[in-house]
Amino acid sequence: GAEWYPMSRENELVSLLGNLAYSQDLDSATICCINEVVNKSLPSGERLRSVVEIAQGMKLPVNDKNRSALGKFVKASLSHLAQSEERLCNGTLQPIALYPDTPEVRERISLYFNS
């Protein structure tokens, strides 16, 4: 597929917010809100989201204990759909896999919670 490159203003915002989160020792809920500010989209305008964001939208029981395992589970079979982006995670910028919100991705997320 076509490569997608974030605009420099977004990179500046990510850096600024990352420094803010680190210096202010923000809680995880605040960091999740900051992540929502910096969204990545496909050229079609479709927003890419983390598997945690998709699962939360599906009203599945995502928590601090299972979110990492969920991401690894989905990435194991759908890495070809993933695009990496640096996002705030526990106060630091980390590479996070983002996916289009498709039936294939939702099915894999559901499989994780039903197994």
PDB file of N, CA and C in Angstrom:
ATOM      1  N   GLY A   1       0.810  -1.186   0.000  1.00  0.00           N
ATOM      2  CA  GLY A   1       0.000   0.000   0.000  1.00  0.00           C
ATOM      3  C   GLY A   1       0.849   1.243   0.000  1.00  0.00           C
ATOM      4  N   ALA A   2       0.199   2.345  -0.130  1.00  0.00           N
ATOM      5  CA  ALA A   2       0.890   3.633  -0.154  1.00  0.00           C
ATOM      6  C   ALA A   2       1.417   3.967   1.240  1.00  0.00           C
ATOM      7  N   GLU A   3       2.560   4.603   1.283  1.00  0.00           N
ATOM      8  CA  GLU A   3       3.131   5.032   2.554  1.00  0.00           C
ATOM      9  C   GLU A   3       2.387   6.275   3.036  1.00  0.00           C
ATOM     10  N   TRP A   4       2.227   6.390   4.326  1.00  0.00           N
ATOM     11  CA  TRP A   4       1.590   7.565   4.905  1.00  0.00           C
ATOM     12  C   TRP A   4       2.600   8.204   5.831  1.00  0.00           C
ATOM     13  N   TYR A   5       2.829   9.484   5.654  1.00  0.00           N
ATOM     14  CA  TYR A   5       3.775  10.205   6.483  1.00  0.00           C
ATOM     15  C   TYR A   5       3.050  11.302   7.242  1.00  0.00           C
ATOM     16  N   PRO A   6       3.224  11.345   8.574  1.00  0.00           N
ATOM     17  CA  PRO A   6       2.554  12.394   9.341  1.00  0.00           C
ATOM     18  C   PRO A   6       3.111  13.770   9.004  1.00  0.00           C
ATOM     19  N   MET A   7       2.275  14.769   9.135  1.00  0.00           N
ATOM     20  CA  MET A   7       2.711  16.140   8.884  1.00  0.00           C
ATOM     21  C   MET A   7       3.627  16.580  10.021  1.00  0.00           C
ATOM     22  N   SER A   8       4.522  17.489   9.718  1.00  0.00           N
ATOM     23  CA  SER A   8       5.484  17.927  10.724  1.00  0.00           C
ATOM     24  C   SER A   8       4.803  18.582  11.920  1.00  0.00           C
ATOM     25  N   ARG A   9       3.696  19.247  11.717  1.00  0.00           N
ATOM     26  CA  ARG A   9       2.983  19.866  12.841  1.00  0.00           C
ATOM     27  C   ARG A   9       2.505  18.802  13.816  1.00  0.00           C
ATOM     28  N   GLU A  10       2.088  17.632  13.290  1.00  0.00           N
ATOM     29  CA  GLU A  10       1.678  16.540  14.168  1.00  0.00           C
ATOM     30  C   GLU A  10       2.867  16.028  14.975  1.00  0.00           C
ATOM     31  N   ASN A  11       4.022  15.906  14.317  1.00  0.00           N
ATOM     32  CA  ASN A  11       5.216  15.448  15.025  1.00  0.00           C
ATOM     33  C   ASN A  11       5.581  16.416  16.141  1.00  0.00           C
ATOM     34  N   GLU A  12       5.468  17.703  15.869  1.00  0.00           N
ATOM     35  CA  GLU A  12       5.757  18.701  16.895  1.00  0.00           C
ATOM     36  C   GLU A  12       4.783  18.579  18.057  1.00  0.00           C
ATOM     37  N   LEU A  13       3.510  18.341  17.752  1.00  0.00           N
ATOM     38  CA  LEU A  13       2.498  18.188  18.795  1.00  0.00           C
ATOM     39  C   LEU A  13       2.778  16.950  19.636  1.00  0.00           C
ATOM     40  N   VAL A  14       3.119  15.842  18.998  1.00  0.00           N
ATOM     41  CA  VAL A  14       3.437  14.617  19.722  1.00  0.00           C
ATOM     42  C   VAL A  14       4.607  14.851  20.663  1.00  0.00           C
ATOM     43  N   SER A  15       5.640  15.504  20.174  1.00  0.00           N
ATOM     44  CA  SER A  15       6.816  15.791  20.992  1.00  0.00           C
ATOM     45  C   SER A  15       6.456  16.682  22.177  1.00  0.00           C
ATOM     46  N   LEU A  16       5.702  17.729  21.923  1.00  0.00           N
ATOM     47  CA  LEU A  16       5.287  18.650  22.975  1.00  0.00           C
ATOM     48  C   LEU A  16       4.453  17.920  24.026  1.00  0.00           C
ATOM     49  N   LEU A  17       3.467  17.145  23.581  1.00  0.00           N
ATOM     50  CA  LEU A  17       2.608  16.434  24.518  1.00  0.00           C
ATOM     51  C   LEU A  17       3.383  15.370  25.278  1.00  0.00           C
ATOM     52  N   GLY A  18       4.336  14.723  24.607  1.00  0.00           N
ATOM     53  CA  GLY A  18       5.179  13.737  25.276  1.00  0.00           C
ATOM     54  C   GLY A  18       5.977  14.369  26.394  1.00  0.00           C
ATOM     55  N   ASN A  19       6.556  15.525  26.128  1.00  0.00           N
ATOM     56  CA  ASN A  19       7.319  16.233  27.164  1.00  0.00           C
ATOM     57  C   ASN A  19       6.404  16.675  28.303  1.00  0.00           C
ATOM     58  N   LEU A  20       5.209  17.133  27.972  1.00  0.00           N
ATOM     59  CA  LEU A  20       4.251  17.544  28.992  1.00  0.00           C
ATOM     60  C   LEU A  20       3.874  16.363  29.881  1.00  0.00           C
ATOM     61  N   ALA A  21       3.541  15.234  29.261  1.00  0.00           N
ATOM     62  CA  ALA A  21       3.139  14.052  30.033  1.00  0.00           C
ATOM     63  C   ALA A  21       4.265  13.590  30.946  1.00  0.00           C
ATOM     64  N   TYR A  22       5.490  13.619  30.428  1.00  0.00           N
ATOM     65  CA  TYR A  22       6.634  13.187  31.221  1.00  0.00           C
ATOM     66  C   TYR A  22       6.884  14.145  32.383  1.00  0.00           C
ATOM     67  N   SER A  23       6.838  15.437  32.104  1.00  0.00           N
ATOM     68  CA  SER A  23       7.163  16.418  33.142  1.00  0.00           C
ATOM     69  C   SER A  23       6.052  16.558  34.181  1.00  0.00           C
ATOM     70  N   GLN A  24       4.818  16.294  33.791  1.00  0.00           N
ATOM     71  CA  GLN A  24       3.699  16.447  34.718  1.00  0.00           C
ATOM     72  C   GLN A  24       3.267  15.128  35.361  1.00  0.00           C
ATOM     73  N   ASP A  25       3.897  14.016  34.973  1.00  0.00           N
ATOM     74  CA  ASP A  25       3.558  12.699  35.513  1.00  0.00           C
ATOM     75  C   ASP A  25       2.049  12.455  35.426  1.00  0.00           C
ATOM     76  N   LEU A  26       1.502  12.586  34.219  1.00  0.00           N
ATOM     77  CA  LEU A  26       0.068  12.451  34.008  1.00  0.00           C
ATOM     78  C   LEU A  26      -0.385  11.011  34.174  1.00  0.00           C
ATOM     79  N   ASP A  27      -1.642  10.825  34.571  1.00  0.00           N
ATOM     80  CA  ASP A  27      -2.170   9.478  34.720  1.00  0.00           C
ATOM     81  C   ASP A  27      -2.516   8.892  33.349  1.00  0.00           C
ATOM     82  N   SER A  28      -2.757   7.570  33.323  1.00  0.00           N
ATOM     83  CA  SER A  28      -2.972   6.888  32.042  1.00  0.00           C
ATOM     84  C   SER A  28      -4.221   7.375  31.322  1.00  0.00           C
ATOM     85  N   ALA A  29      -5.271   7.752  32.047  1.00  0.00           N
ATOM     86  CA  ALA A  29      -6.491   8.249  31.400  1.00  0.00           C
ATOM     87  C   ALA A  29      -6.217   9.538  30.651  1.00  0.00           C
ATOM     88  N   THR A  30      -5.423  10.435  31.249  1.00  0.00           N
ATOM     89  CA  THR A  30      -5.076  11.688  30.593  1.00  0.00           C
ATOM     90  C   THR A  30      -4.222  11.422  29.365  1.00  0.00           C
ATOM     91  N   ILE A  31      -3.287  10.495  29.486  1.00  0.00           N
ATOM     92  CA  ILE A  31      -2.422  10.162  28.355  1.00  0.00           C
ATOM     93  C   ILE A  31      -3.249   9.580  27.213  1.00  0.00           C
ATOM     94  N   CYS A  32      -4.246   8.760  27.529  1.00  0.00           N
ATOM     95  CA  CYS A  32      -5.129   8.228  26.479  1.00  0.00           C
ATOM     96  C   CYS A  32      -5.868   9.360  25.768  1.00  0.00           C
ATOM     97  N   CYS A  33      -6.301  10.358  26.521  1.00  0.00           N
ATOM     98  CA  CYS A  33      -6.974  11.511  25.915  1.00  0.00           C
ATOM     99  C   CYS A  33      -6.024  12.277  25.006  1.00  0.00           C
ATOM    100  N   ILE A  34      -4.777  12.440  25.442  1.00  0.00           N
ATOM    101  CA  ILE A  34      -3.788  13.123  24.611  1.00  0.00           C
ATOM    102  C   ILE A  34      -3.565  12.335  23.328  1.00  0.00           C
ATOM    103  N   ASN A  35      -3.506  11.007  23.413  1.00  0.00           N
ATOM    104  CA  ASN A  35      -3.332  10.189  22.220  1.00  0.00           C
ATOM    105  C   ASN A  35      -4.451  10.417  21.214  1.00  0.00           C
ATOM    106  N   GLU A  36      -5.661  10.645  21.714  1.00  0.00           N
ATOM    107  CA  GLU A  36      -6.796  10.872  20.832  1.00  0.00           C
ATOM    108  C   GLU A  36      -6.632  12.157  20.023  1.00  0.00           C
ATOM    109  N   VAL A  37      -5.879  13.124  20.572  1.00  0.00           N
ATOM    110  CA  VAL A  37      -5.672  14.402  19.894  1.00  0.00           C
ATOM    111  C   VAL A  37      -4.851  14.204  18.629  1.00  0.00           C
ATOM    112  N   VAL A  38      -3.912  13.289  18.676  1.00  0.00           N
ATOM    113  CA  VAL A  38      -2.989  13.075  17.563  1.00  0.00           C
ATOM    114  C   VAL A  38      -3.412  11.798  16.850  1.00  0.00           C
ATOM    115  N   ASN A  39      -4.283  11.927  15.878  1.00  0.00           N
ATOM    116  CA  ASN A  39      -4.802  10.771  15.152  1.00  0.00           C
ATOM    117  C   ASN A  39      -4.069  10.587  13.840  1.00  0.00           C
ATOM    118  N   LYS A  40      -4.027   9.354  13.392  1.00  0.00           N
ATOM    119  CA  LYS A  40      -3.422   9.024  12.113  1.00  0.00           C
ATOM    120  C   LYS A  40      -4.543   8.534  11.198  1.00  0.00           C
ATOM    121  N   SER A  41      -4.505   8.953   9.957  1.00  0.00           N
ATOM    122  CA  SER A  41      -5.546   8.562   9.014  1.00  0.00           C
ATOM    123  C   SER A  41      -4.936   8.005   7.749  1.00  0.00           C
ATOM    124  N   LEU A  42      -5.718   7.187   7.071  1.00  0.00           N
ATOM    125  CA  LEU A  42      -5.348   6.726   5.739  1.00  0.00           C
ATOM    126  C   LEU A  42      -5.605   7.855   4.758  1.00  0.00           C
ATOM    127  N   PRO A  43      -5.005   7.799   3.551  1.00  0.00           N
ATOM    128  CA  PRO A  43      -5.280   8.846   2.567  1.00  0.00           C
ATOM    129  C   PRO A  43      -6.775   9.040   2.291  1.00  0.00           C
ATOM    130  N   SER A  44      -7.574   7.967   2.465  1.00  0.00           N
ATOM    131  CA  SER A  44      -9.016   8.069   2.238  1.00  0.00           C
ATOM    132  C   SER A  44      -9.709   8.865   3.341  1.00  0.00           C
ATOM    133  N   GLY A  45      -8.978   9.187   4.408  1.00  0.00           N
ATOM    134  CA  GLY A  45      -9.572   9.895   5.529  1.00  0.00           C
ATOM    135  C   GLY A  45      -9.994   8.959   6.642  1.00  0.00           C
ATOM    136  N   GLU A  46      -9.945   7.648   6.388  1.00  0.00           N
ATOM    137  CA  GLU A  46     -10.294   6.676   7.418  1.00  0.00           C
ATOM    138  C   GLU A  46      -9.248   6.723   8.528  1.00  0.00           C
ATOM    139  N   ARG A  47      -9.694   6.824   9.738  1.00  0.00           N
ATOM    140  CA  ARG A  47      -8.800   6.939  10.886  1.00  0.00           C
ATOM    141  C   ARG A  47      -8.255   5.570  11.285  1.00  0.00           C
ATOM    142  N   LEU A  48      -6.961   5.490  11.488  1.00  0.00           N
ATOM    143  CA  LEU A  48      -6.343   4.277  12.003  1.00  0.00           C
ATOM    144  C   LEU A  48      -6.373   4.340  13.523  1.00  0.00           C
ATOM    145  N   ARG A  49      -6.606   3.197  14.158  1.00  0.00           N
ATOM    146  CA  ARG A  49      -6.687   3.166  15.616  1.00  0.00           C
ATOM    147  C   ARG A  49      -5.930   1.964  16.153  1.00  0.00           C
ATOM    148  N   SER A  50      -5.560   2.044  17.414  1.00  0.00           N
ATOM    149  CA  SER A  50      -4.922   0.905  18.065  1.00  0.00           C
ATOM    150  C   SER A  50      -5.988  -0.168  18.318  1.00  0.00           C
ATOM    151  N   VAL A  51      -5.550  -1.402  18.523  1.00  0.00           N
ATOM    152  CA  VAL A  51      -6.515  -2.466  18.809  1.00  0.00           C
ATOM    153  C   VAL A  51      -7.248  -2.189  20.123  1.00  0.00           C
ATOM    154  N   VAL A  52      -6.597  -1.518  21.053  1.00  0.00           N
ATOM    155  CA  VAL A  52      -7.257  -1.177  22.318  1.00  0.00           C
ATOM    156  C   VAL A  52      -8.404  -0.202  22.059  1.00  0.00           C
ATOM    157  N   GLU A  53      -8.167   0.807  21.221  1.00  0.00           N
ATOM    158  CA  GLU A  53      -9.230   1.769  20.898  1.00  0.00           C
ATOM    159  C   GLU A  53     -10.393   1.075  20.188  1.00  0.00           C
ATOM    160  N   ILE A  54     -10.073   0.175  19.262  1.00  0.00           N
ATOM    161  CA  ILE A  54     -11.130  -0.548  18.542  1.00  0.00           C
ATOM    162  C   ILE A  54     -11.905  -1.433  19.513  1.00  0.00           C
ATOM    163  N   ALA A  55     -11.186  -2.161  20.373  1.00  0.00           N
ATOM    164  CA  ALA A  55     -11.841  -3.046  21.343  1.00  0.00           C
ATOM    165  C   ALA A  55     -12.723  -2.259  22.313  1.00  0.00           C
ATOM    166  N   GLN A  56     -12.251  -1.107  22.758  1.00  0.00           N
ATOM    167  CA  GLN A  56     -13.064  -0.280  23.649  1.00  0.00           C
ATOM    168  C   GLN A  56     -14.333   0.183  22.941  1.00  0.00           C
ATOM    169  N   GLY A  57     -14.219   0.512  21.662  1.00  0.00           N
ATOM    170  CA  GLY A  57     -15.390   0.892  20.881  1.00  0.00           C
ATOM    171  C   GLY A  57     -16.375  -0.250  20.716  1.00  0.00           C
ATOM    172  N   MET A  58     -15.862  -1.484  20.811  1.00  0.00           N
ATOM    173  CA  MET A  58     -16.698  -2.683  20.732  1.00  0.00           C
ATOM    174  C   MET A  58     -17.260  -3.050  22.109  1.00  0.00           C
ATOM    175  N   LYS A  59     -16.955  -2.232  23.118  1.00  0.00           N
ATOM    176  CA  LYS A  59     -17.408  -2.442  24.502  1.00  0.00           C
ATOM    177  C   LYS A  59     -16.839  -3.726  25.110  1.00  0.00           C
ATOM    178  N   LEU A  60     -15.608  -4.086  24.724  1.00  0.00           N
ATOM    179  CA  LEU A  60     -14.943  -5.262  25.273  1.00  0.00           C
ATOM    180  C   LEU A  60     -14.139  -4.862  26.510  1.00  0.00           C
ATOM    181  N   PRO A  61     -13.910  -5.814  27.429  1.00  0.00           N
ATOM    182  CA  PRO A  61     -13.271  -5.500  28.713  1.00  0.00           C
ATOM    183  C   PRO A  61     -11.753  -5.340  28.631  1.00  0.00           C
ATOM    184  N   VAL A  62     -11.296  -4.264  28.014  1.00  0.00           N
ATOM    185  CA  VAL A  62      -9.860  -3.993  27.909  1.00  0.00           C
ATOM    186  C   VAL A  62      -9.401  -3.339  29.212  1.00  0.00           C
ATOM    187  N   ASN A  63      -8.264  -3.818  29.723  1.00  0.00           N
ATOM    188  CA  ASN A  63      -7.715  -3.226  30.936  1.00  0.00           C
ATOM    189  C   ASN A  63      -6.190  -3.225  30.860  1.00  0.00           C
ATOM    190  N   ASP A  64      -5.559  -2.694  31.881  1.00  0.00           N
ATOM    191  CA  ASP A  64      -4.087  -2.606  31.886  1.00  0.00           C
ATOM    192  C   ASP A  64      -3.428  -3.977  31.845  1.00  0.00           C
ATOM    193  N   LYS A  65      -4.125  -5.014  32.318  1.00  0.00           N
ATOM    194  CA  LYS A  65      -3.537  -6.355  32.367  1.00  0.00           C
ATOM    195  C   LYS A  65      -3.586  -7.077  31.026  1.00  0.00           C
ATOM    196  N   ASN A  66      -4.586  -6.783  30.177  1.00  0.00           N
ATOM    197  CA  ASN A  66      -4.713  -7.541  28.926  1.00  0.00           C
ATOM    198  C   ASN A  66      -4.420  -6.746  27.659  1.00  0.00           C
ATOM    199  N   ARG A  67      -4.219  -5.452  27.766  1.00  0.00           N
ATOM    200  CA  ARG A  67      -4.059  -4.630  26.555  1.00  0.00           C
ATOM    201  C   ARG A  67      -2.812  -4.990  25.761  1.00  0.00           C
ATOM    202  N   SER A  68      -1.706  -5.273  26.409  1.00  0.00           N
ATOM    203  CA  SER A  68      -0.478  -5.623  25.697  1.00  0.00           C
ATOM    204  C   SER A  68      -0.621  -6.977  25.002  1.00  0.00           C
ATOM    205  N   ALA A  69      -1.192  -7.944  25.708  1.00  0.00           N
ATOM    206  CA  ALA A  69      -1.399  -9.275  25.121  1.00  0.00           C
ATOM    207  C   ALA A  69      -2.366  -9.204  23.935  1.00  0.00           C
ATOM    208  N   LEU A  70      -3.383  -8.360  24.044  1.00  0.00           N
ATOM    209  CA  LEU A  70      -4.329  -8.168  22.935  1.00  0.00           C
ATOM    210  C   LEU A  70      -3.598  -7.644  21.708  1.00  0.00           C
ATOM    211  N   GLY A  71      -2.767  -6.627  21.890  1.00  0.00           N
ATOM    212  CA  GLY A  71      -2.018  -6.060  20.770  1.00  0.00           C
ATOM    213  C   GLY A  71      -1.115  -7.093  20.105  1.00  0.00           C
ATOM    214  N   LYS A  72      -0.425  -7.891  20.905  1.00  0.00           N
ATOM    215  CA  LYS A  72       0.460  -8.929  20.359  1.00  0.00           C
ATOM    216  C   LYS A  72      -0.334 -10.002  19.628  1.00  0.00           C
ATOM    217  N   PHE A  73      -1.493 -10.366  20.177  1.00  0.00           N
ATOM    218  CA  PHE A  73      -2.346 -11.382  19.563  1.00  0.00           C
ATOM    219  C   PHE A  73      -2.811 -10.943  18.170  1.00  0.00           C
ATOM    220  N   VAL A  74      -3.263  -9.707  18.070  1.00  0.00           N
ATOM    221  CA  VAL A  74      -3.750  -9.195  16.783  1.00  0.00           C
ATOM    222  C   VAL A  74      -2.588  -9.025  15.805  1.00  0.00           C
ATOM    223  N   LYS A  75      -1.486  -8.484  16.264  1.00  0.00           N
ATOM    224  CA  LYS A  75      -0.347  -8.233  15.382  1.00  0.00           C
ATOM    225  C   LYS A  75       0.251  -9.532  14.827  1.00  0.00           C
ATOM    226  N   ALA A  76       0.144 -10.635  15.586  1.00  0.00           N
ATOM    227  CA  ALA A  76       0.691 -11.917  15.142  1.00  0.00           C
ATOM    228  C   ALA A  76       0.086 -12.375  13.813  1.00  0.00           C
ATOM    229  N   SER A  77      -1.186 -12.050  13.588  1.00  0.00           N
ATOM    230  CA  SER A  77      -1.812 -12.510  12.346  1.00  0.00           C
ATOM    231  C   SER A  77      -2.156 -11.381  11.385  1.00  0.00           C
ATOM    232  N   LEU A  78      -2.148 -10.157  11.852  1.00  0.00           N
ATOM    233  CA  LEU A  78      -2.558  -9.044  10.988  1.00  0.00           C
ATOM    234  C   LEU A  78      -1.480  -7.969  10.853  1.00  0.00           C
ATOM    235  N   SER A  79      -0.225  -8.350  11.006  1.00  0.00           N
ATOM    236  CA  SER A  79       0.853  -7.351  10.934  1.00  0.00           C
ATOM    237  C   SER A  79       0.893  -6.652   9.576  1.00  0.00           C
ATOM    238  N   HIS A  80       0.388  -7.324   8.538  1.00  0.00           N
ATOM    239  CA  HIS A  80       0.374  -6.717   7.200  1.00  0.00           C
ATOM    240  C   HIS A  80      -0.560  -5.507   7.119  1.00  0.00           C
ATOM    241  N   LEU A  81      -1.492  -5.399   8.060  1.00  0.00           N
ATOM    242  CA  LEU A  81      -2.412  -4.256   8.084  1.00  0.00           C
ATOM    243  C   LEU A  81      -1.917  -3.125   8.991  1.00  0.00           C
ATOM    244  N   ALA A  82      -0.932  -3.425   9.827  1.00  0.00           N
ATOM    245  CA  ALA A  82      -0.488  -2.467  10.841  1.00  0.00           C
ATOM    246  C   ALA A  82       0.406  -1.379  10.267  1.00  0.00           C
ATOM    247  N   GLN A  83       0.225  -0.182  10.790  1.00  0.00           N
ATOM    248  CA  GLN A  83       1.133   0.931  10.533  1.00  0.00           C
ATOM    249  C   GLN A  83       1.590   1.432  11.900  1.00  0.00           C
ATOM    250  N   SER A  84       2.867   1.662  12.038  1.00  0.00           N
ATOM    251  CA  SER A  84       3.410   2.077  13.323  1.00  0.00           C
ATOM    252  C   SER A  84       3.410   3.595  13.460  1.00  0.00           C
ATOM    253  N   GLU A  85       3.107   4.042  14.665  1.00  0.00           N
ATOM    254  CA  GLU A  85       3.148   5.462  14.984  1.00  0.00           C
ATOM    255  C   GLU A  85       3.608   5.602  16.422  1.00  0.00           C
ATOM    256  N   GLU A  86       4.401   6.630  16.680  1.00  0.00           N
ATOM    257  CA  GLU A  86       4.812   6.885  18.055  1.00  0.00           C
ATOM    258  C   GLU A  86       3.678   7.596  18.781  1.00  0.00           C
ATOM    259  N   ARG A  87       3.307   7.030  19.927  1.00  0.00           N
ATOM    260  CA  ARG A  87       2.254   7.600  20.763  1.00  0.00           C
ATOM    261  C   ARG A  87       2.711   7.589  22.207  1.00  0.00           C
ATOM    262  N   LEU A  88       2.066   8.409  22.997  1.00  0.00           N
ATOM    263  CA  LEU A  88       2.376   8.435  24.419  1.00  0.00           C
ATOM    264  C   LEU A  88       1.885   7.156  25.076  1.00  0.00           C
ATOM    265  N   CYS A  89       2.762   6.525  25.833  1.00  0.00           N
ATOM    266  CA  CYS A  89       2.408   5.320  26.567  1.00  0.00           C
ATOM    267  C   CYS A  89       3.195   5.356  27.878  1.00  0.00           C
ATOM    268  N   ASN A  90       2.497   5.463  28.982  1.00  0.00           N
ATOM    269  CA  ASN A  90       3.138   5.564  30.294  1.00  0.00           C
ATOM    270  C   ASN A  90       4.139   6.716  30.358  1.00  0.00           C
ATOM    271  N   GLY A  91       3.808   7.822  29.738  1.00  0.00           N
ATOM    272  CA  GLY A  91       4.629   9.021  29.828  1.00  0.00           C
ATOM    273  C   GLY A  91       5.767   9.126  28.835  1.00  0.00           C
ATOM    274  N   THR A  92       5.960   8.117  27.998  1.00  0.00           N
ATOM    275  CA  THR A  92       7.018   8.184  26.983  1.00  0.00           C
ATOM    276  C   THR A  92       6.438   7.845  25.623  1.00  0.00           C
ATOM    277  N   LEU A  93       7.109   8.289  24.582  1.00  0.00           N
ATOM    278  CA  LEU A  93       6.673   7.957  23.229  1.00  0.00           C
ATOM    279  C   LEU A  93       7.106   6.533  22.907  1.00  0.00           C
ATOM    280  N   GLN A  94       6.165   5.715  22.478  1.00  0.00           N
ATOM    281  CA  GLN A  94       6.411   4.315  22.142  1.00  0.00           C
ATOM    282  C   GLN A  94       5.822   4.031  20.763  1.00  0.00           C
ATOM    283  N   PRO A  95       6.423   3.111  19.995  1.00  0.00           N
ATOM    284  CA  PRO A  95       5.804   2.728  18.728  1.00  0.00           C
ATOM    285  C   PRO A  95       4.537   1.893  18.993  1.00  0.00           C
ATOM    286  N   ILE A  96       3.421   2.313  18.431  1.00  0.00           N
ATOM    287  CA  ILE A  96       2.140   1.635  18.606  1.00  0.00           C
ATOM    288  C   ILE A  96       1.635   1.225  17.223  1.00  0.00           C
ATOM    289  N   ALA A  97       1.160  -0.010  17.104  1.00  0.00           N
ATOM    290  CA  ALA A  97       0.600  -0.493  15.839  1.00  0.00           C
ATOM    291  C   ALA A  97      -0.830   0.027  15.697  1.00  0.00           C
ATOM    292  N   LEU A  98      -1.122   0.642  14.557  1.00  0.00           N
ATOM    293  CA  LEU A  98      -2.461   1.158  14.268  1.00  0.00           C
ATOM    294  C   LEU A  98      -3.051   0.387  13.108  1.00  0.00           C
ATOM    295  N   TYR A  99      -4.368   0.188  13.153  1.00  0.00           N
ATOM    296  CA  TYR A  99      -5.056  -0.626  12.156  1.00  0.00           C
ATOM    297  C   TYR A  99      -6.291   0.106  11.631  1.00  0.00           C
ATOM    298  N   PRO A 100      -6.697  -0.232  10.419  1.00  0.00           N
ATOM    299  CA  PRO A 100      -8.002   0.252   9.956  1.00  0.00           C
ATOM    300  C   PRO A 100      -9.080  -0.518  10.723  1.00  0.00           C
ATOM    301  N   ASP A 101     -10.196   0.098  10.979  1.00  0.00           N
ATOM    302  CA  ASP A 101     -11.284  -0.558  11.701  1.00  0.00           C
ATOM    303  C   ASP A 101     -12.098  -1.366  10.698  1.00  0.00           C
ATOM    304  N   THR A 102     -11.654  -2.610  10.466  1.00  0.00           N
ATOM    305  CA  THR A 102     -12.282  -3.485   9.477  1.00  0.00           C
ATOM    306  C   THR A 102     -12.888  -4.706  10.163  1.00  0.00           C
ATOM    307  N   PRO A 103     -13.785  -5.410   9.480  1.00  0.00           N
ATOM    308  CA  PRO A 103     -14.331  -6.652  10.046  1.00  0.00           C
ATOM    309  C   PRO A 103     -13.231  -7.669  10.392  1.00  0.00           C
ATOM    310  N   GLU A 104     -12.192  -7.728   9.587  1.00  0.00           N
ATOM    311  CA  GLU A 104     -11.085  -8.651   9.836  1.00  0.00           C
ATOM    312  C   GLU A 104     -10.397  -8.339  11.165  1.00  0.00           C
ATOM    313  N   VAL A 105     -10.148  -7.062  11.432  1.00  0.00           N
ATOM    314  CA  VAL A 105      -9.501  -6.654  12.684  1.00  0.00           C
ATOM    315  C   VAL A 105     -10.451  -6.902  13.857  1.00  0.00           C
ATOM    316  N   ARG A 106     -11.709  -6.545  13.707  1.00  0.00           N
ATOM    317  CA  ARG A 106     -12.690  -6.750  14.777  1.00  0.00           C
ATOM    318  C   ARG A 106     -12.868  -8.239  15.098  1.00  0.00           C
ATOM    319  N   GLU A 107     -12.846  -9.077  14.074  1.00  0.00           N
ATOM    320  CA  GLU A 107     -12.984 -10.516  14.282  1.00  0.00           C
ATOM    321  C   GLU A 107     -11.817 -11.060  15.108  1.00  0.00           C
ATOM    322  N   ARG A 108     -10.617 -10.601  14.793  1.00  0.00           N
ATOM    323  CA  ARG A 108      -9.429 -11.056  15.524  1.00  0.00           C
ATOM    324  C   ARG A 108      -9.476 -10.583  16.979  1.00  0.00           C
ATOM    325  N   ILE A 109      -9.902  -9.346  17.207  1.00  0.00           N
ATOM    326  CA  ILE A 109     -10.034  -8.829  18.563  1.00  0.00           C
ATOM    327  C   ILE A 109     -11.068  -9.658  19.343  1.00  0.00           C
ATOM    328  N   SER A 110     -12.195  -9.949  18.712  1.00  0.00           N
ATOM    329  CA  SER A 110     -13.245 -10.749  19.357  1.00  0.00           C
ATOM    330  C   SER A 110     -12.719 -12.140  19.700  1.00  0.00           C
ATOM    331  N   LEU A 111     -11.933 -12.712  18.810  1.00  0.00           N
ATOM    332  CA  LEU A 111     -11.368 -14.043  19.036  1.00  0.00           C
ATOM    333  C   LEU A 111     -10.492 -14.058  20.294  1.00  0.00           C
ATOM    334  N   TYR A 112      -9.750 -12.998  20.495  1.00  0.00           N
ATOM    335  CA  TYR A 112      -8.902 -12.904  21.693  1.00  0.00           C
ATOM    336  C   TYR A 112      -9.767 -12.981  22.959  1.00  0.00           C
ATOM    337  N   PHE A 113     -10.857 -12.244  22.992  1.00  0.00           N
ATOM    338  CA  PHE A 113     -11.697 -12.216  24.194  1.00  0.00           C
ATOM    339  C   PHE A 113     -12.569 -13.450  24.337  1.00  0.00           C
ATOM    340  N   ASN A 114     -12.778 -14.192  23.261  1.00  0.00           N
ATOM    341  CA  ASN A 114     -13.613 -15.403  23.327  1.00  0.00           C
ATOM    342  C   ASN A 114     -12.807 -16.674  23.504  1.00  0.00           C
ATOM    343  N   SER A 115     -11.462 -16.540  23.559  1.00  0.00           N
ATOM    344  CA  SER A 115     -10.646 -17.756  23.688  1.00  0.00           C
ATOM    345  C   SER A 115     -10.228 -18.008  25.126  1.00  0.00           C
TER     346      SER A 115
END
